Amino acid sequence: MSKLDILGSVNLDIVLRLHDLPRPGETVHATQSERYLGGKGANQAVSAARTGADLRFRACVGDDEEGNWLTAQLAAHAVTPADIEVIAGEASGRAYVCVDQAGENLIIVHAGANDRLSLTTEPVEPSRVALAQLETPIASTVDFFRTHRDRGTITVLNAAPAVAEARDSLFALTDILILNESELAFYAGREVLPEDVEDITMLARELIAHENQVIVLTCGAAGALAITKDRLDFTPARLTKVRDTTGSGDCFCGALCARLATGAELDQAIYFASVAASLSVEKNGAAASMPSLEDVELAIFEMTAAEVSG
């Protein structure tokens, strides 16, 4: 039995480095092109594996050269590919990632084989934590969470990319809901979030679907909030020099679940995950930038008050 069960996507990330992100109708020239293992599921699985999780990762790739390369890359990043299904006649998923000189990104995804991910042929084994995102079919994630909750597993949903259907189908099955600020605005029906923390907290609480649910709101360099019906906790971020933010949210989710799977309390897991994400933005790529358990522990040990945002 694995302590962490992850259901999710695998993509080939084509990363284009630019001076500035394009505006609508604008053509820009890339200064560099690279390819990486990506997909929110794969990124989170790599993050969890590198930070010490005993995990099982369920995903799909196409029966193409890219699928073979992606499977080999997962193995190279310490994620056992035994539960990666190869879908005949399908192309592997792709993501085109534009990264500007400030490290900000713009991403376009083609799902490919990820749209065929299903749990119909294999039962779910009990785990301490189950993690999913929204780059694969929601119906499969509903089955995944229902089965795990019946067995007492902590279910964690990174509700990204934002999909309206998820609020009705999945939020009630989720113990810990992880969102960033733009995703919270989407689910709350707002163009932008208010600036006041109390107002943001009130919006987040409107999404709470059951009594014991926790919403973890990631706010980049500003830190993270853990919001329940009657409590608000803040975790400051570690100050860092940003090189590439691609996959930093996935790093946070994978590291958080890795800690939860060891039995850590949520506040401890959020702190650990926040430091892990701060390390990931100092390197290029998504899966390639995920820090190891030793990296995170050393960063925590060496942190001073000056390295924590206010």
C-alpha atoms as a PDB file:
ATOM      1  CA  MET A   1       0.000   0.000   0.000  1.00  0.00           C
ATOM      2  CA  SER A   2       1.305   3.469  -0.955  1.00  0.00           C
ATOM      3  CA  LYS A   3       0.828   6.233   1.600  1.00  0.00           C
ATOM      4  CA  LEU A   4       0.153   8.808  -1.147  1.00  0.00           C
ATOM      5  CA  ASP A   5      -1.981   8.096  -4.218  1.00  0.00           C
ATOM      6  CA  ILE A   6      -1.840  10.673  -7.036  1.00  0.00           C
ATOM      7  CA  LEU A   7      -4.163  10.787 -10.024  1.00  0.00           C
ATOM      8  CA  GLY A   8      -3.201  13.223 -12.751  1.00  0.00           C
ATOM      9  CA  SER A   9      -1.834  14.381 -16.046  1.00  0.00           C
ATOM     10  CA  VAL A  10       1.463  13.908 -17.874  1.00  0.00           C
ATOM     11  CA  ASN A  11       2.531  16.408 -20.537  1.00  0.00           C
ATOM     12  CA  LEU A  12       5.505  17.168 -22.677  1.00  0.00           C
ATOM     13  CA  ASP A  13       6.318  20.786 -21.774  1.00  0.00           C
ATOM     14  CA  ILE A  14       7.679  22.861 -24.653  1.00  0.00           C
ATOM     15  CA  VAL A  15       9.191  25.871 -22.886  1.00  0.00           C
ATOM     16  CA  LEU A  16       9.804  29.058 -24.884  1.00  0.00           C
ATOM     17  CA  ARG A  17      11.822  31.800 -23.207  1.00  0.00           C
ATOM     18  CA  LEU A  18      10.897  35.348 -24.171  1.00  0.00           C
ATOM     19  CA  HIS A  19      11.785  38.916 -23.276  1.00  0.00           C
ATOM     20  CA  ASP A  20       8.103  39.740 -22.643  1.00  0.00           C
ATOM     21  CA  LEU A  21       4.912  37.657 -22.812  1.00  0.00           C
ATOM     22  CA  PRO A  22       2.894  38.355 -25.989  1.00  0.00           C
ATOM     23  CA  ARG A  23      -0.197  40.555 -25.915  1.00  0.00           C
ATOM     24  CA  PRO A  24      -3.292  39.652 -27.988  1.00  0.00           C
ATOM     25  CA  GLY A  25      -2.420  39.761 -31.687  1.00  0.00           C
ATOM     26  CA  GLU A  26       1.305  40.240 -31.048  1.00  0.00           C
ATOM     27  CA  THR A  27       4.098  38.071 -32.470  1.00  0.00           C
ATOM     28  CA  VAL A  28       7.234  37.740 -30.348  1.00  0.00           C
ATOM     29  CA  HIS A  29      10.485  35.843 -30.810  1.00  0.00           C
ATOM     30  CA  ALA A  30      11.720  33.214 -28.381  1.00  0.00           C
ATOM     31  CA  THR A  31      15.309  33.391 -27.234  1.00  0.00           C
ATOM     32  CA  GLN A  32      15.427  29.715 -26.270  1.00  0.00           C
ATOM     33  CA  SER A  33      13.382  26.504 -26.606  1.00  0.00           C
ATOM     34  CA  GLU A  34      13.544  23.522 -24.243  1.00  0.00           C
ATOM     35  CA  ARG A  35      11.515  20.410 -23.493  1.00  0.00           C
ATOM     36  CA  TYR A  36      10.710  18.999 -20.079  1.00  0.00           C
ATOM     37  CA  LEU A  37       8.551  16.457 -18.317  1.00  0.00           C
ATOM     38  CA  GLY A  38       5.390  18.298 -17.242  1.00  0.00           C
ATOM     39  CA  GLY A  39       1.683  18.074 -16.538  1.00  0.00           C
ATOM     40  CA  LYS A  40       0.255  18.996 -13.153  1.00  0.00           C
ATOM     41  CA  GLY A  41      -0.049  15.371 -12.068  1.00  0.00           C
ATOM     42  CA  ALA A  42       3.504  14.477 -13.083  1.00  0.00           C
ATOM     43  CA  ASN A  43       4.935  17.649 -11.537  1.00  0.00           C
ATOM     44  CA  GLN A  44       3.179  16.967  -8.248  1.00  0.00           C
ATOM     45  CA  ALA A  45       4.235  13.321  -8.291  1.00  0.00           C
ATOM     46  CA  VAL A  46       7.886  14.305  -8.843  1.00  0.00           C
ATOM     47  CA  SER A  47       7.676  16.902  -6.060  1.00  0.00           C
ATOM     48  CA  ALA A  48       6.178  14.337  -3.684  1.00  0.00           C
ATOM     49  CA  ALA A  49       8.668  11.622  -4.615  1.00  0.00           C
ATOM     50  CA  ARG A  50      11.666  13.930  -4.251  1.00  0.00           C
ATOM     51  CA  THR A  51      10.466  15.103  -0.839  1.00  0.00           C
ATOM     52  CA  GLY A  52      10.197  11.584   0.498  1.00  0.00           C
ATOM     53  CA  ALA A  53       6.710  10.254  -0.302  1.00  0.00           C
ATOM     54  CA  ASP A  54       5.885   6.592  -0.725  1.00  0.00           C
ATOM     55  CA  LEU A  55       3.549   7.122  -3.667  1.00  0.00           C
ATOM     56  CA  ARG A  56       1.567   5.606  -6.490  1.00  0.00           C
ATOM     57  CA  PHE A  57       0.992   7.728  -9.606  1.00  0.00           C
ATOM     58  CA  ARG A  58      -1.860   6.919 -12.032  1.00  0.00           C
ATOM     59  CA  ALA A  59      -1.760   8.600 -15.429  1.00  0.00           C
ATOM     60  CA  CYS A  60      -1.931   8.113 -19.213  1.00  0.00           C
ATOM     61  CA  VAL A  61       0.435   8.773 -22.124  1.00  0.00           C
ATOM     62  CA  GLY A  62       0.079   8.196 -25.857  1.00  0.00           C
ATOM     63  CA  ASP A  63       1.649   5.370 -27.825  1.00  0.00           C
ATOM     64  CA  ASP A  64       4.191   7.706 -29.383  1.00  0.00           C
ATOM     65  CA  GLU A  65       7.860   8.588 -28.964  1.00  0.00           C
ATOM     66  CA  GLU A  66       6.918  11.366 -26.581  1.00  0.00           C
ATOM     67  CA  GLY A  67       5.036   8.899 -24.368  1.00  0.00           C
ATOM     68  CA  ASN A  68       8.137   6.703 -24.140  1.00  0.00           C
ATOM     69  CA  TRP A  69      10.271   9.731 -23.285  1.00  0.00           C
ATOM     70  CA  LEU A  70       7.827  10.957 -20.641  1.00  0.00           C
ATOM     71  CA  THR A  71       7.656   7.539 -18.973  1.00  0.00           C
ATOM     72  CA  ALA A  72      11.452   7.346 -18.882  1.00  0.00           C
ATOM     73  CA  GLN A  73      11.620  10.844 -17.419  1.00  0.00           C
ATOM     74  CA  LEU A  74       9.190   9.923 -14.637  1.00  0.00           C
ATOM     75  CA  ALA A  75      11.381   6.971 -13.712  1.00  0.00           C
ATOM     76  CA  ALA A  76      14.457   9.215 -13.780  1.00  0.00           C
ATOM     77  CA  HIS A  77      12.700  11.579 -11.348  1.00  0.00           C
ATOM     78  CA  ALA A  78      12.001   8.768  -8.829  1.00  0.00           C
ATOM     79  CA  VAL A  79       8.346   8.199  -9.848  1.00  0.00           C
ATOM     80  CA  THR A  80       7.598   4.533 -10.539  1.00  0.00           C
ATOM     81  CA  PRO A  81       5.830   4.369 -13.947  1.00  0.00           C
ATOM     82  CA  ALA A  82       4.074   1.051 -13.255  1.00  0.00           C
ATOM     83  CA  ASP A  83       0.620   2.679 -13.258  1.00  0.00           C
ATOM     84  CA  ILE A  84       1.130   4.785 -16.397  1.00  0.00           C
ATOM     85  CA  GLU A  85      -1.308   3.500 -19.040  1.00  0.00           C
ATOM     86  CA  VAL A  86      -0.342   3.751 -22.718  1.00  0.00           C
ATOM     87  CA  ILE A  87      -3.376   4.705 -24.828  1.00  0.00           C
ATOM     88  CA  ALA A  88      -3.317   3.270 -28.357  1.00  0.00           C
ATOM     89  CA  GLY A  89      -3.974   5.768 -31.128  1.00  0.00           C
ATOM     90  CA  GLU A  90      -3.603   8.807 -28.871  1.00  0.00           C
ATOM     91  CA  ALA A  91      -0.919  11.472 -28.763  1.00  0.00           C
ATOM     92  CA  SER A  92       0.666  12.305 -25.434  1.00  0.00           C
ATOM     93  CA  GLY A  93      -0.391  15.527 -23.746  1.00  0.00           C
ATOM     94  CA  ARG A  94       1.503  18.707 -24.532  1.00  0.00           C
ATOM     95  CA  ALA A  95       1.888  22.088 -22.867  1.00  0.00           C
ATOM     96  CA  TYR A  96       3.382  25.153 -24.517  1.00  0.00           C
ATOM     97  CA  VAL A  97       4.921  27.305 -21.783  1.00  0.00           C
ATOM     98  CA  CYS A  98       6.044  30.882 -22.471  1.00  0.00           C
ATOM     99  CA  VAL A  99       8.329  32.323 -19.773  1.00  0.00           C
ATOM    100  CA  ASP A 100       9.369  35.980 -19.694  1.00  0.00           C
ATOM    101  CA  GLN A 101      12.519  37.549 -18.251  1.00  0.00           C
ATOM    102  CA  ALA A 102      10.809  38.090 -14.875  1.00  0.00           C
ATOM    103  CA  GLY A 103       9.949  34.395 -14.587  1.00  0.00           C
ATOM    104  CA  GLU A 104       6.210  34.837 -15.191  1.00  0.00           C
ATOM    105  CA  ASN A 105       4.539  32.359 -17.525  1.00  0.00           C
ATOM    106  CA  LEU A 106       1.687  31.790 -19.952  1.00  0.00           C
ATOM    107  CA  ILE A 107       0.637  28.170 -20.632  1.00  0.00           C
ATOM    108  CA  ILE A 108      -1.451  26.491 -23.347  1.00  0.00           C
ATOM    109  CA  VAL A 109      -2.312  22.792 -22.849  1.00  0.00           C
ATOM    110  CA  HIS A 110      -3.458  20.076 -25.271  1.00  0.00           C
ATOM    111  CA  ALA A 111      -4.735  17.167 -23.169  1.00  0.00           C
ATOM    112  CA  GLY A 112      -4.160  14.282 -25.600  1.00  0.00           C
ATOM    113  CA  ALA A 113      -4.051  10.937 -23.774  1.00  0.00           C
ATOM    114  CA  ASN A 114      -4.820  12.640 -20.445  1.00  0.00           C
ATOM    115  CA  ASP A 115      -8.475  12.827 -21.487  1.00  0.00           C
ATOM    116  CA  ARG A 116      -8.626   9.021 -21.420  1.00  0.00           C
ATOM    117  CA  LEU A 117      -7.610   8.557 -17.796  1.00  0.00           C
ATOM    118  CA  SER A 118     -10.067   6.194 -16.106  1.00  0.00           C
ATOM    119  CA  LEU A 119     -10.301   4.023 -12.991  1.00  0.00           C
ATOM    120  CA  THR A 120     -12.823   1.553 -14.404  1.00  0.00           C
ATOM    121  CA  THR A 121     -10.421  -1.386 -14.691  1.00  0.00           C
ATOM    122  CA  GLU A 122      -8.665  -1.259 -11.327  1.00  0.00           C
ATOM    123  CA  PRO A 123      -9.816  -0.754  -7.727  1.00  0.00           C
ATOM    124  CA  VAL A 124      -8.301   1.966  -5.592  1.00  0.00           C
ATOM    125  CA  GLU A 125      -6.107   0.764  -2.729  1.00  0.00           C
ATOM    126  CA  PRO A 126      -6.328   2.569   0.634  1.00  0.00           C
ATOM    127  CA  SER A 127      -3.751   5.314   1.245  1.00  0.00           C
ATOM    128  CA  ARG A 128      -3.225   7.999   3.888  1.00  0.00           C
ATOM    129  CA  VAL A 129      -3.561  10.823   1.315  1.00  0.00           C
ATOM    130  CA  ALA A 130      -5.060  11.057  -2.196  1.00  0.00           C
ATOM    131  CA  LEU A 131      -4.188  13.995  -4.481  1.00  0.00           C
ATOM    132  CA  ALA A 132      -5.723  15.090  -7.793  1.00  0.00           C
ATOM    133  CA  GLN A 133      -5.929  18.124 -10.087  1.00  0.00           C
ATOM    134  CA  LEU A 134      -8.165  19.148 -13.019  1.00  0.00           C
ATOM    135  CA  GLU A 135      -6.177  18.295 -16.162  1.00  0.00           C
ATOM    136  CA  THR A 136      -7.860  14.872 -16.382  1.00  0.00           C
ATOM    137  CA  PRO A 137     -11.556  13.855 -16.584  1.00  0.00           C
ATOM    138  CA  ILE A 138     -13.545  15.055 -13.583  1.00  0.00           C
ATOM    139  CA  ALA A 139     -15.676  11.890 -13.578  1.00  0.00           C
ATOM    140  CA  SER A 140     -12.553   9.790 -12.968  1.00  0.00           C
ATOM    141  CA  THR A 141     -11.469  12.070 -10.131  1.00  0.00           C
ATOM    142  CA  VAL A 142     -14.923  11.796  -8.550  1.00  0.00           C
ATOM    143  CA  ASP A 143     -14.589   7.986  -8.551  1.00  0.00           C
ATOM    144  CA  PHE A 144     -11.048   8.274  -7.187  1.00  0.00           C
ATOM    145  CA  PHE A 145     -12.076  10.517  -4.283  1.00  0.00           C
ATOM    146  CA  ARG A 146     -15.277   8.641  -3.438  1.00  0.00           C
ATOM    147  CA  THR A 147     -13.456   5.356  -3.104  1.00  0.00           C
ATOM    148  CA  HIS A 148     -10.673   6.859  -1.023  1.00  0.00           C
ATOM    149  CA  ARG A 149     -13.024   8.745   1.305  1.00  0.00           C
ATOM    150  CA  ASP A 150     -14.911   5.501   1.951  1.00  0.00           C
ATOM    151  CA  ARG A 151     -11.623   4.141   3.297  1.00  0.00           C
ATOM    152  CA  GLY A 152     -10.719   7.103   5.489  1.00  0.00           C
ATOM    153  CA  THR A 153      -8.149   8.696   3.187  1.00  0.00           C
ATOM    154  CA  ILE A 154      -7.459  12.465   3.289  1.00  0.00           C
ATOM    155  CA  THR A 155      -8.475  13.822  -0.123  1.00  0.00           C
ATOM    156  CA  VAL A 156      -6.591  16.828  -1.509  1.00  0.00           C
ATOM    157  CA  LEU A 157      -7.730  18.666  -4.632  1.00  0.00           C
ATOM    158  CA  ASN A 158      -5.622  21.240  -6.406  1.00  0.00           C
ATOM    159  CA  ALA A 159      -8.552  22.852  -8.236  1.00  0.00           C
ATOM    160  CA  ALA A 160      -6.419  23.897 -11.205  1.00  0.00           C
ATOM    161  CA  PRO A 161      -6.749  24.720 -13.961  1.00  0.00           C
ATOM    162  CA  ALA A 162     -10.027  26.311 -12.874  1.00  0.00           C
ATOM    163  CA  VAL A 163     -13.043  24.334 -14.141  1.00  0.00           C
ATOM    164  CA  ALA A 164     -16.560  25.385 -13.107  1.00  0.00           C
ATOM    165  CA  GLU A 165     -17.860  21.793 -12.980  1.00  0.00           C
ATOM    166  CA  ALA A 166     -15.385  20.938 -10.224  1.00  0.00           C
ATOM    167  CA  ARG A 167     -17.189  23.074  -7.664  1.00  0.00           C
ATOM    168  CA  ASP A 168     -20.383  21.003  -7.919  1.00  0.00           C
ATOM    169  CA  SER A 169     -18.747  17.615  -8.521  1.00  0.00           C
ATOM    170  CA  LEU A 170     -15.610  17.547  -6.393  1.00  0.00           C
ATOM    171  CA  PHE A 171     -15.504  20.178  -3.656  1.00  0.00           C
ATOM    172  CA  ALA A 172     -17.815  18.204  -1.360  1.00  0.00           C
ATOM    173  CA  LEU A 173     -15.511  15.163  -1.718  1.00  0.00           C
ATOM    174  CA  THR A 174     -12.408  17.176  -0.833  1.00  0.00           C
ATOM    175  CA  ASP A 175     -10.844  17.520   2.618  1.00  0.00           C
ATOM    176  CA  ILE A 176      -8.130  20.029   1.630  1.00  0.00           C
ATOM    177  CA  LEU A 177      -8.778  22.350  -1.318  1.00  0.00           C
ATOM    178  CA  ILE A 178      -5.709  24.114  -2.734  1.00  0.00           C
ATOM    179  CA  LEU A 179      -6.187  27.266  -4.833  1.00  0.00           C
ATOM    180  CA  ASN A 180      -4.158  30.222  -5.970  1.00  0.00           C
ATOM    181  CA  GLU A 181      -5.552  33.748  -6.072  1.00  0.00           C
ATOM    182  CA  SER A 182      -6.743  33.653  -9.694  1.00  0.00           C
ATOM    183  CA  GLU A 183      -8.470  30.312  -9.129  1.00  0.00           C
ATOM    184  CA  LEU A 184     -10.216  31.624  -6.019  1.00  0.00           C
ATOM    185  CA  ALA A 185     -11.454  34.602  -8.033  1.00  0.00           C
ATOM    186  CA  PHE A 186     -12.775  32.256 -10.729  1.00  0.00           C
ATOM    187  CA  TYR A 187     -14.688  29.998  -8.351  1.00  0.00           C
ATOM    188  CA  ALA A 188     -15.979  32.996  -6.396  1.00  0.00           C
ATOM    189  CA  GLY A 189     -17.247  34.636  -9.584  1.00  0.00           C
ATOM    190  CA  ARG A 190     -14.990  37.706  -9.293  1.00  0.00           C
ATOM    191  CA  GLU A 191     -12.859  39.419 -11.922  1.00  0.00           C
ATOM    192  CA  VAL A 192     -10.260  40.237  -9.274  1.00  0.00           C
ATOM    193  CA  LEU A 193      -9.909  39.535  -5.579  1.00  0.00           C
ATOM    194  CA  PRO A 194     -10.295  42.270  -2.961  1.00  0.00           C
ATOM    195  CA  GLU A 195      -7.069  43.435  -1.351  1.00  0.00           C
ATOM    196  CA  ASP A 196      -8.206  43.040   2.256  1.00  0.00           C
ATOM    197  CA  VAL A 197      -7.364  39.664   3.800  1.00  0.00           C
ATOM    198  CA  GLU A 198     -10.662  39.536   5.696  1.00  0.00           C
ATOM    199  CA  ASP A 199     -12.617  40.045   2.465  1.00  0.00           C
ATOM    200  CA  ILE A 200     -10.566  37.358   0.716  1.00  0.00           C
ATOM    201  CA  THR A 201     -11.214  35.009   3.625  1.00  0.00           C
ATOM    202  CA  MET A 202     -14.964  35.616   3.406  1.00  0.00           C
ATOM    203  CA  LEU A 203     -14.925  34.760  -0.307  1.00  0.00           C
ATOM    204  CA  ALA A 204     -12.954  31.586   0.339  1.00  0.00           C
ATOM    205  CA  ARG A 205     -15.379  30.511   3.053  1.00  0.00           C
ATOM    206  CA  GLU A 206     -18.219  30.679   0.519  1.00  0.00           C
ATOM    207  CA  LEU A 207     -16.534  27.752  -1.251  1.00  0.00           C
ATOM    208  CA  ILE A 208     -16.364  25.524   1.840  1.00  0.00           C
ATOM    209  CA  ALA A 209     -18.486  22.489   1.055  1.00  0.00           C
ATOM    210  CA  HIS A 210     -18.482  20.614   4.393  1.00  0.00           C
ATOM    211  CA  GLU A 211     -17.795  21.207   8.060  1.00  0.00           C
ATOM    212  CA  ASN A 212     -14.184  20.026   8.282  1.00  0.00           C
ATOM    213  CA  GLN A 213     -12.893  21.276   4.948  1.00  0.00           C
ATOM    214  CA  VAL A 214      -9.760  23.438   4.771  1.00  0.00           C
ATOM    215  CA  ILE A 215      -8.993  25.819   1.919  1.00  0.00           C
ATOM    216  CA  VAL A 216      -5.289  26.473   1.369  1.00  0.00           C
ATOM    217  CA  LEU A 217      -4.819  29.668  -0.617  1.00  0.00           C
ATOM    218  CA  THR A 218      -1.355  30.119  -2.116  1.00  0.00           C
ATOM    219  CA  CYS A 219      -0.360  33.751  -2.629  1.00  0.00           C
ATOM    220  CA  GLY A 220       3.080  33.453  -4.218  1.00  0.00           C
ATOM    221  CA  ALA A 221       5.697  35.626  -2.544  1.00  0.00           C
ATOM    222  CA  ALA A 222       3.074  36.784  -0.012  1.00  0.00           C
ATOM    223  CA  GLY A 223       2.818  33.308   1.550  1.00  0.00           C
ATOM    224  CA  ALA A 224      -0.181  31.022   2.091  1.00  0.00           C
ATOM    225  CA  LEU A 225      -3.452  31.093   4.018  1.00  0.00           C
ATOM    226  CA  ALA A 226      -5.215  28.094   5.603  1.00  0.00           C
ATOM    227  CA  ILE A 227      -8.917  28.925   5.886  1.00  0.00           C
ATOM    228  CA  THR A 228     -11.644  26.991   7.712  1.00  0.00           C
ATOM    229  CA  LYS A 229     -15.171  28.020   8.730  1.00  0.00           C
ATOM    230  CA  ASP A 230     -13.897  29.666  11.916  1.00  0.00           C
ATOM    231  CA  ARG A 231     -10.116  29.952  11.658  1.00  0.00           C
ATOM    232  CA  LEU A 232      -7.458  31.701   9.557  1.00  0.00           C
ATOM    233  CA  ASP A 233      -3.760  30.803   9.679  1.00  0.00           C
ATOM    234  CA  PHE A 234      -0.979  32.539   7.729  1.00  0.00           C
ATOM    235  CA  THR A 235       2.317  30.996   6.597  1.00  0.00           C
ATOM    236  CA  PRO A 236       4.883  33.527   5.323  1.00  0.00           C
ATOM    237  CA  ALA A 237       6.941  32.747   2.234  1.00  0.00           C
ATOM    238  CA  ARG A 238      10.710  32.402   2.080  1.00  0.00           C
ATOM    239  CA  LEU A 239      12.290  35.258   0.138  1.00  0.00           C
ATOM    240  CA  THR A 240      13.861  34.066  -3.091  1.00  0.00           C
ATOM    241  CA  LYS A 241      15.277  35.207  -6.422  1.00  0.00           C
ATOM    242  CA  VAL A 242      12.739  34.133  -9.032  1.00  0.00           C
ATOM    243  CA  ARG A 243      14.032  32.569 -12.233  1.00  0.00           C
ATOM    244  CA  ASP A 244      11.032  30.532 -13.451  1.00  0.00           C
ATOM    245  CA  THR A 245       7.666  30.154 -11.684  1.00  0.00           C
ATOM    246  CA  THR A 246       6.557  27.235 -13.898  1.00  0.00           C
ATOM    247  CA  GLY A 247       5.460  24.350 -11.675  1.00  0.00           C
ATOM    248  CA  SER A 248       5.879  26.177  -8.362  1.00  0.00           C
ATOM    249  CA  GLY A 249       2.248  25.578  -7.418  1.00  0.00           C
ATOM    250  CA  ASP A 250       2.647  21.912  -8.289  1.00  0.00           C
ATOM    251  CA  CYS A 251       5.771  21.757  -6.170  1.00  0.00           C
ATOM    252  CA  PHE A 252       3.768  23.152  -3.247  1.00  0.00           C
ATOM    253  CA  CYS A 253       0.972  20.584  -3.672  1.00  0.00           C
ATOM    254  CA  GLY A 254       3.279  17.583  -4.006  1.00  0.00           C
ATOM    255  CA  ALA A 255       5.467  18.574  -1.066  1.00  0.00           C
ATOM    256  CA  LEU A 256       2.450  19.331   1.128  1.00  0.00           C
ATOM    257  CA  CYS A 257       0.935  15.900   0.452  1.00  0.00           C
ATOM    258  CA  ALA A 258       4.286  14.194   0.964  1.00  0.00           C
ATOM    259  CA  ARG A 259       4.405  15.672   4.471  1.00  0.00           C
ATOM    260  CA  LEU A 260       0.769  14.822   5.205  1.00  0.00           C
ATOM    261  CA  ALA A 261       1.445  11.245   4.101  1.00  0.00           C
ATOM    262  CA  THR A 262       4.129  10.971   6.807  1.00  0.00           C
ATOM    263  CA  GLY A 263       1.576  12.018   9.429  1.00  0.00           C
ATOM    264  CA  ALA A 264       2.571  15.707   9.724  1.00  0.00           C
ATOM    265  CA  GLU A 265      -0.012  18.264  10.827  1.00  0.00           C
ATOM    266  CA  LEU A 266      -1.373  20.575   8.139  1.00  0.00           C
ATOM    267  CA  ASP A 267       0.407  23.705   9.413  1.00  0.00           C
ATOM    268  CA  GLN A 268       3.734  21.864   9.362  1.00  0.00           C
ATOM    269  CA  ALA A 269       3.016  20.553   5.859  1.00  0.00           C
ATOM    270  CA  ILE A 270       2.145  24.026   4.559  1.00  0.00           C
ATOM    271  CA  TYR A 271       5.363  25.500   5.952  1.00  0.00           C
ATOM    272  CA  PHE A 272       7.441  22.703   4.406  1.00  0.00           C
ATOM    273  CA  ALA A 273       5.635  23.042   1.054  1.00  0.00           C
ATOM    274  CA  SER A 274       6.084  26.819   1.027  1.00  0.00           C
ATOM    275  CA  VAL A 275       9.842  26.461   1.404  1.00  0.00           C
ATOM    276  CA  ALA A 276       9.933  23.755  -1.277  1.00  0.00           C
ATOM    277  CA  ALA A 277       8.052  26.000  -3.727  1.00  0.00           C
ATOM    278  CA  SER A 278      10.427  28.900  -3.002  1.00  0.00           C
ATOM    279  CA  LEU A 279      13.349  26.665  -3.996  1.00  0.00           C
ATOM    280  CA  SER A 280      11.636  25.487  -7.188  1.00  0.00           C
ATOM    281  CA  VAL A 281      11.362  29.009  -8.653  1.00  0.00           C
ATOM    282  CA  GLU A 282      15.135  29.395  -8.475  1.00  0.00           C
ATOM    283  CA  LYS A 283      15.548  26.844 -11.307  1.00  0.00           C
ATOM    284  CA  ASN A 284      14.207  26.423 -14.827  1.00  0.00           C
ATOM    285  CA  GLY A 285      11.469  23.969 -15.759  1.00  0.00           C
ATOM    286  CA  ALA A 286       8.682  22.284 -13.822  1.00  0.00           C
ATOM    287  CA  ALA A 287       9.507  18.712 -12.778  1.00  0.00           C
ATOM    288  CA  ALA A 288      13.196  19.488 -13.310  1.00  0.00           C
ATOM    289  CA  SER A 289      13.074  22.232 -10.669  1.00  0.00           C
ATOM    290  CA  MET A 290      11.571  20.202  -7.817  1.00  0.00           C
ATOM    291  CA  PRO A 291      13.826  20.197  -4.733  1.00  0.00           C
ATOM    292  CA  SER A 292      14.773  17.111  -2.769  1.00  0.00           C
ATOM    293  CA  LEU A 293      13.890  16.434   0.857  1.00  0.00           C
ATOM    294  CA  GLU A 294      17.479  17.287   1.770  1.00  0.00           C
ATOM    295  CA  ASP A 295      17.276  20.585  -0.155  1.00  0.00           C
ATOM    296  CA  VAL A 296      14.161  21.661   1.746  1.00  0.00           C
ATOM    297  CA  GLU A 297      15.434  20.571   5.144  1.00  0.00           C
ATOM    298  CA  LEU A 298      18.723  22.428   4.580  1.00  0.00           C
ATOM    299  CA  ALA A 299      16.874  25.592   3.484  1.00  0.00           C
ATOM    300  CA  ILE A 300      14.698  25.450   6.599  1.00  0.00           C
ATOM    301  CA  PHE A 301      17.747  24.903   8.814  1.00  0.00           C
ATOM    302  CA  GLU A 302      19.636  27.835   7.248  1.00  0.00           C
ATOM    303  CA  MET A 303      16.730  30.296   7.062  1.00  0.00           C
ATOM    304  CA  THR A 304      17.051  33.538   8.955  1.00  0.00           C
ATOM    305  CA  ALA A 305      14.367  36.071   9.820  1.00  0.00           C
ATOM    306  CA  ALA A 306      15.534  38.192   6.870  1.00  0.00           C
ATOM    307  CA  GLU A 307      14.626  35.374   4.458  1.00  0.00           C
ATOM    308  CA  VAL A 308      10.964  35.306   5.473  1.00  0.00           C
ATOM    309  CA  SER A 309       8.531  37.733   3.885  1.00  0.00           C
ATOM    310  CA  GLY A 310       6.513  39.977   6.190  1.00  0.00           C
END
